Amino acid sequence: MYVSVGNIADIVLAIFFMIEILQGKNMGLALQAARLVVLFVSLIVSQILSGIVGIPMSAGFFFVILFAVFWKAAKLVKIVDWIPVVGTLDKLGGAVAGFCTAFLICYFLFFFLGTVIPQSVWNEWGLTKEVVDKTYLLQAFLR
């Protein structure tokens, strides 16, 4: 069996998708939604605090601290897992959300890379248009 660069890329993408789906299932939909809220709230509040302090570089420090504190509070939504039917639906919704997260990450990453990196570099890496057309997952993102 011949393994090409396109096959390796498909395998890596499949593993990434499986990891995100399993992580989403383990976290659940409620906790993933809480993670997004915590991310945005931490980002906004850290920008406000760095503006108040007057040191622009302090935003990263504030973000890390706020994210850690808010994340601890957000983990209270894991109580949903103990409700029989709702917990199962939360896990299934988390798996779907994990798939959507992986898809969006790949979509934006490959859109950015496809825009920034010229085709000649892709060809040097062995990802010619013919190789990409023979892949299953990679062709969905590099068209």
C-alpha atoms as a PDB file:
ATOM      1  CA  MET A   1       0.000   0.000   0.000  1.00  0.00           C
ATOM      2  CA  TYR A   2       1.354   3.395  -1.000  1.00  0.00           C
ATOM      3  CA  VAL A   3       1.081   6.191   1.571  1.00  0.00           C
ATOM      4  CA  SER A   4       1.144   9.682   0.102  1.00  0.00           C
ATOM      5  CA  VAL A   5       1.258  13.097   1.707  1.00  0.00           C
ATOM      6  CA  GLY A   6      -2.472  13.435   1.049  1.00  0.00           C
ATOM      7  CA  ASN A   7      -3.208  10.195   2.907  1.00  0.00           C
ATOM      8  CA  ILE A   8      -1.137  11.350   5.871  1.00  0.00           C
ATOM      9  CA  ALA A   9      -2.999  14.672   5.903  1.00  0.00           C
ATOM     10  CA  ASP A  10      -6.332  12.800   5.857  1.00  0.00           C
ATOM     11  CA  ILE A  11      -5.212  10.591   8.743  1.00  0.00           C
ATOM     12  CA  VAL A  12      -4.122  13.606  10.791  1.00  0.00           C
ATOM     13  CA  LEU A  13      -7.421  15.379  10.075  1.00  0.00           C
ATOM     14  CA  ALA A  14      -9.418  12.263  10.994  1.00  0.00           C
ATOM     15  CA  ILE A  15      -7.533  11.937  14.278  1.00  0.00           C
ATOM     16  CA  PHE A  16      -8.115  15.632  15.019  1.00  0.00           C
ATOM     17  CA  PHE A  17     -11.838  15.255  14.314  1.00  0.00           C
ATOM     18  CA  MET A  18     -12.077  12.154  16.532  1.00  0.00           C
ATOM     19  CA  ILE A  19     -10.269  13.895  19.399  1.00  0.00           C
ATOM     20  CA  GLU A  20     -12.576  16.907  19.171  1.00  0.00           C
ATOM     21  CA  ILE A  21     -15.690  14.707  19.011  1.00  0.00           C
ATOM     22  CA  LEU A  22     -14.592  12.681  22.045  1.00  0.00           C
ATOM     23  CA  GLN A  23     -13.609  15.816  23.944  1.00  0.00           C
ATOM     24  CA  GLY A  24     -16.982  17.341  23.081  1.00  0.00           C
ATOM     25  CA  LYS A  25     -18.775  14.207  24.273  1.00  0.00           C
ATOM     26  CA  ASN A  26     -16.857  14.218  27.542  1.00  0.00           C
ATOM     27  CA  MET A  27     -17.449  17.931  28.127  1.00  0.00           C
ATOM     28  CA  GLY A  28     -21.065  18.029  27.033  1.00  0.00           C
ATOM     29  CA  LEU A  29     -22.911  20.748  25.203  1.00  0.00           C
ATOM     30  CA  ALA A  30     -23.653  22.820  28.301  1.00  0.00           C
ATOM     31  CA  LEU A  31     -20.000  22.974  29.344  1.00  0.00           C
ATOM     32  CA  GLN A  32     -18.836  23.780  25.812  1.00  0.00           C
ATOM     33  CA  ALA A  33     -21.328  26.626  25.625  1.00  0.00           C
ATOM     34  CA  ALA A  34     -20.126  27.811  29.030  1.00  0.00           C
ATOM     35  CA  ARG A  35     -16.521  27.652  27.770  1.00  0.00           C
ATOM     36  CA  LEU A  36     -17.383  29.967  24.876  1.00  0.00           C
ATOM     37  CA  VAL A  37     -19.135  32.403  27.215  1.00  0.00           C
ATOM     38  CA  VAL A  38     -16.184  32.327  29.619  1.00  0.00           C
ATOM     39  CA  LEU A  39     -13.774  32.943  26.735  1.00  0.00           C
ATOM     40  CA  PHE A  40     -15.640  35.999  25.452  1.00  0.00           C
ATOM     41  CA  VAL A  41     -16.364  37.448  28.913  1.00  0.00           C
ATOM     42  CA  SER A  42     -12.729  36.980  29.968  1.00  0.00           C
ATOM     43  CA  LEU A  43     -11.539  38.650  26.773  1.00  0.00           C
ATOM     44  CA  ILE A  44     -13.842  41.657  27.154  1.00  0.00           C
ATOM     45  CA  VAL A  45     -13.230  42.157  30.881  1.00  0.00           C
ATOM     46  CA  SER A  46      -9.446  41.803  30.462  1.00  0.00           C
ATOM     47  CA  GLN A  47      -9.482  44.514  27.775  1.00  0.00           C
ATOM     48  CA  ILE A  48     -11.499  46.789  30.057  1.00  0.00           C
ATOM     49  CA  LEU A  49      -9.194  46.154  33.009  1.00  0.00           C
ATOM     50  CA  SER A  50      -6.052  46.756  30.955  1.00  0.00           C
ATOM     51  CA  GLY A  51      -7.581  50.057  29.797  1.00  0.00           C
ATOM     52  CA  ILE A  52      -8.287  51.053  33.380  1.00  0.00           C
ATOM     53  CA  VAL A  53      -4.775  50.122  34.514  1.00  0.00           C
ATOM     54  CA  GLY A  54      -3.265  51.845  31.480  1.00  0.00           C
ATOM     55  CA  ILE A  55      -0.820  49.066  30.632  1.00  0.00           C
ATOM     56  CA  PRO A  56      -1.794  47.424  27.320  1.00  0.00           C
ATOM     57  CA  MET A  57       0.441  44.397  27.919  1.00  0.00           C
ATOM     58  CA  SER A  58      -1.484  43.559  31.106  1.00  0.00           C
ATOM     59  CA  ALA A  59      -4.477  42.309  29.082  1.00  0.00           C
ATOM     60  CA  GLY A  60      -2.892  38.876  28.652  1.00  0.00           C
ATOM     61  CA  PHE A  61      -2.254  38.570  32.377  1.00  0.00           C
ATOM     62  CA  PHE A  62      -5.809  39.633  33.207  1.00  0.00           C
ATOM     63  CA  PHE A  63      -7.195  37.250  30.595  1.00  0.00           C
ATOM     64  CA  VAL A  64      -5.406  34.217  32.052  1.00  0.00           C
ATOM     65  CA  ILE A  65      -6.505  35.037  35.598  1.00  0.00           C
ATOM     66  CA  LEU A  66     -10.102  35.814  34.639  1.00  0.00           C
ATOM     67  CA  PHE A  67     -10.397  32.755  32.432  1.00  0.00           C
ATOM     68  CA  ALA A  68      -9.181  30.495  35.246  1.00  0.00           C
ATOM     69  CA  VAL A  69     -11.610  32.007  37.760  1.00  0.00           C
ATOM     70  CA  PHE A  70     -14.611  32.049  35.423  1.00  0.00           C
ATOM     71  CA  TRP A  71     -13.833  28.517  34.187  1.00  0.00           C
ATOM     72  CA  LYS A  72     -13.964  27.168  37.753  1.00  0.00           C
ATOM     73  CA  ALA A  73     -17.373  28.783  38.182  1.00  0.00           C
ATOM     74  CA  ALA A  74     -18.588  27.542  34.791  1.00  0.00           C
ATOM     75  CA  LYS A  75     -17.833  23.934  35.672  1.00  0.00           C
ATOM     76  CA  LEU A  76     -20.959  23.999  37.832  1.00  0.00           C
ATOM     77  CA  VAL A  77     -22.981  23.260  34.690  1.00  0.00           C
ATOM     78  CA  LYS A  78     -21.553  19.708  34.792  1.00  0.00           C
ATOM     79  CA  ILE A  79     -24.390  18.956  37.203  1.00  0.00           C
ATOM     80  CA  VAL A  80     -26.491  18.447  34.065  1.00  0.00           C
ATOM     81  CA  ASP A  81     -24.689  15.116  33.550  1.00  0.00           C
ATOM     82  CA  TRP A  82     -26.439  13.643  36.572  1.00  0.00           C
ATOM     83  CA  ILE A  83     -29.928  14.115  35.108  1.00  0.00           C
ATOM     84  CA  PRO A  84     -30.578  10.853  33.183  1.00  0.00           C
ATOM     85  CA  VAL A  85     -32.120  11.904  29.855  1.00  0.00           C
ATOM     86  CA  VAL A  86     -30.764  15.440  29.819  1.00  0.00           C
ATOM     87  CA  GLY A  87     -27.251  14.159  30.540  1.00  0.00           C
ATOM     88  CA  THR A  88     -27.378  11.816  27.552  1.00  0.00           C
ATOM     89  CA  LEU A  89     -28.651  14.570  25.269  1.00  0.00           C
ATOM     90  CA  ASP A  90     -25.954  16.880  26.641  1.00  0.00           C
ATOM     91  CA  LYS A  91     -23.260  14.324  25.742  1.00  0.00           C
ATOM     92  CA  LEU A  92     -24.651  13.841  22.213  1.00  0.00           C
ATOM     93  CA  GLY A  93     -24.927  17.590  21.740  1.00  0.00           C
ATOM     94  CA  GLY A  94     -21.356  17.945  22.984  1.00  0.00           C
ATOM     95  CA  ALA A  95     -20.142  15.436  20.387  1.00  0.00           C
ATOM     96  CA  VAL A  96     -21.920  17.370  17.630  1.00  0.00           C
ATOM     97  CA  ALA A  97     -20.500  20.635  18.963  1.00  0.00           C
ATOM     98  CA  GLY A  98     -17.026  19.043  19.018  1.00  0.00           C
ATOM     99  CA  PHE A  99     -17.396  18.071  15.363  1.00  0.00           C
ATOM    100  CA  CYS A 100     -18.557  21.585  14.471  1.00  0.00           C
ATOM    101  CA  THR A 101     -15.648  23.092  16.393  1.00  0.00           C
ATOM    102  CA  ALA A 102     -13.145  20.882  14.572  1.00  0.00           C
ATOM    103  CA  PHE A 103     -14.730  21.689  11.225  1.00  0.00           C
ATOM    104  CA  LEU A 104     -14.616  25.439  11.861  1.00  0.00           C
ATOM    105  CA  ILE A 105     -11.017  25.301  13.062  1.00  0.00           C
ATOM    106  CA  CYS A 106      -9.963  23.385   9.949  1.00  0.00           C
ATOM    107  CA  TYR A 107     -12.040  25.570   7.648  1.00  0.00           C
ATOM    108  CA  PHE A 108     -10.577  28.860   8.900  1.00  0.00           C
ATOM    109  CA  LEU A 109      -7.052  27.459   9.234  1.00  0.00           C
ATOM    110  CA  PHE A 110      -6.945  26.092   5.698  1.00  0.00           C
ATOM    111  CA  PHE A 111      -8.685  29.190   4.318  1.00  0.00           C
ATOM    112  CA  PHE A 112      -5.980  31.327   5.936  1.00  0.00           C
ATOM    113  CA  LEU A 113      -3.158  29.028   4.813  1.00  0.00           C
ATOM    114  CA  GLY A 114      -4.602  28.777   1.299  1.00  0.00           C
ATOM    115  CA  THR A 115      -4.699  32.548   1.085  1.00  0.00           C
ATOM    116  CA  VAL A 116      -1.252  33.220   2.531  1.00  0.00           C
ATOM    117  CA  ILE A 117       0.809  30.333   1.139  1.00  0.00           C
ATOM    118  CA  PRO A 118       1.303  30.269  -2.647  1.00  0.00           C
ATOM    119  CA  GLN A 119       0.564  27.119  -4.653  1.00  0.00           C
ATOM    120  CA  SER A 120       4.257  26.586  -5.396  1.00  0.00           C
ATOM    121  CA  VAL A 121       4.922  25.993  -1.679  1.00  0.00           C
ATOM    122  CA  TRP A 122       2.006  23.536  -1.498  1.00  0.00           C
ATOM    123  CA  ASN A 123       3.538  21.722  -4.469  1.00  0.00           C
ATOM    124  CA  GLU A 124       6.920  21.537  -2.709  1.00  0.00           C
ATOM    125  CA  TRP A 125       5.202  19.945   0.287  1.00  0.00           C
ATOM    126  CA  GLY A 126       3.712  17.326  -2.023  1.00  0.00           C
ATOM    127  CA  LEU A 127       0.177  18.701  -1.849  1.00  0.00           C
ATOM    128  CA  THR A 128      -0.419  19.291  -5.524  1.00  0.00           C
ATOM    129  CA  LYS A 129      -3.944  19.725  -6.842  1.00  0.00           C
ATOM    130  CA  GLU A 130      -3.935  16.107  -8.073  1.00  0.00           C
ATOM    131  CA  VAL A 131      -2.936  14.780  -4.634  1.00  0.00           C
ATOM    132  CA  VAL A 132      -5.537  16.927  -2.868  1.00  0.00           C
ATOM    133  CA  ASP A 133      -8.248  15.740  -5.289  1.00  0.00           C
ATOM    134  CA  LYS A 134      -7.503  12.119  -4.303  1.00  0.00           C
ATOM    135  CA  THR A 135      -7.983  12.784  -0.586  1.00  0.00           C
ATOM    136  CA  TYR A 136     -11.244  12.500   1.317  1.00  0.00           C
ATOM    137  CA  LEU A 137     -11.027  15.086   4.080  1.00  0.00           C
ATOM    138  CA  LEU A 138      -8.354  17.485   2.868  1.00  0.00           C
ATOM    139  CA  GLN A 139     -10.175  18.277  -0.374  1.00  0.00           C
ATOM    140  CA  ALA A 140     -13.131  19.582   1.642  1.00  0.00           C
ATOM    141  CA  PHE A 141     -10.933  22.357   3.020  1.00  0.00           C
ATOM    142  CA  LEU A 142      -8.535  23.083   0.136  1.00  0.00           C
ATOM    143  CA  ARG A 143     -10.897  23.760  -2.736  1.00  0.00           C
END
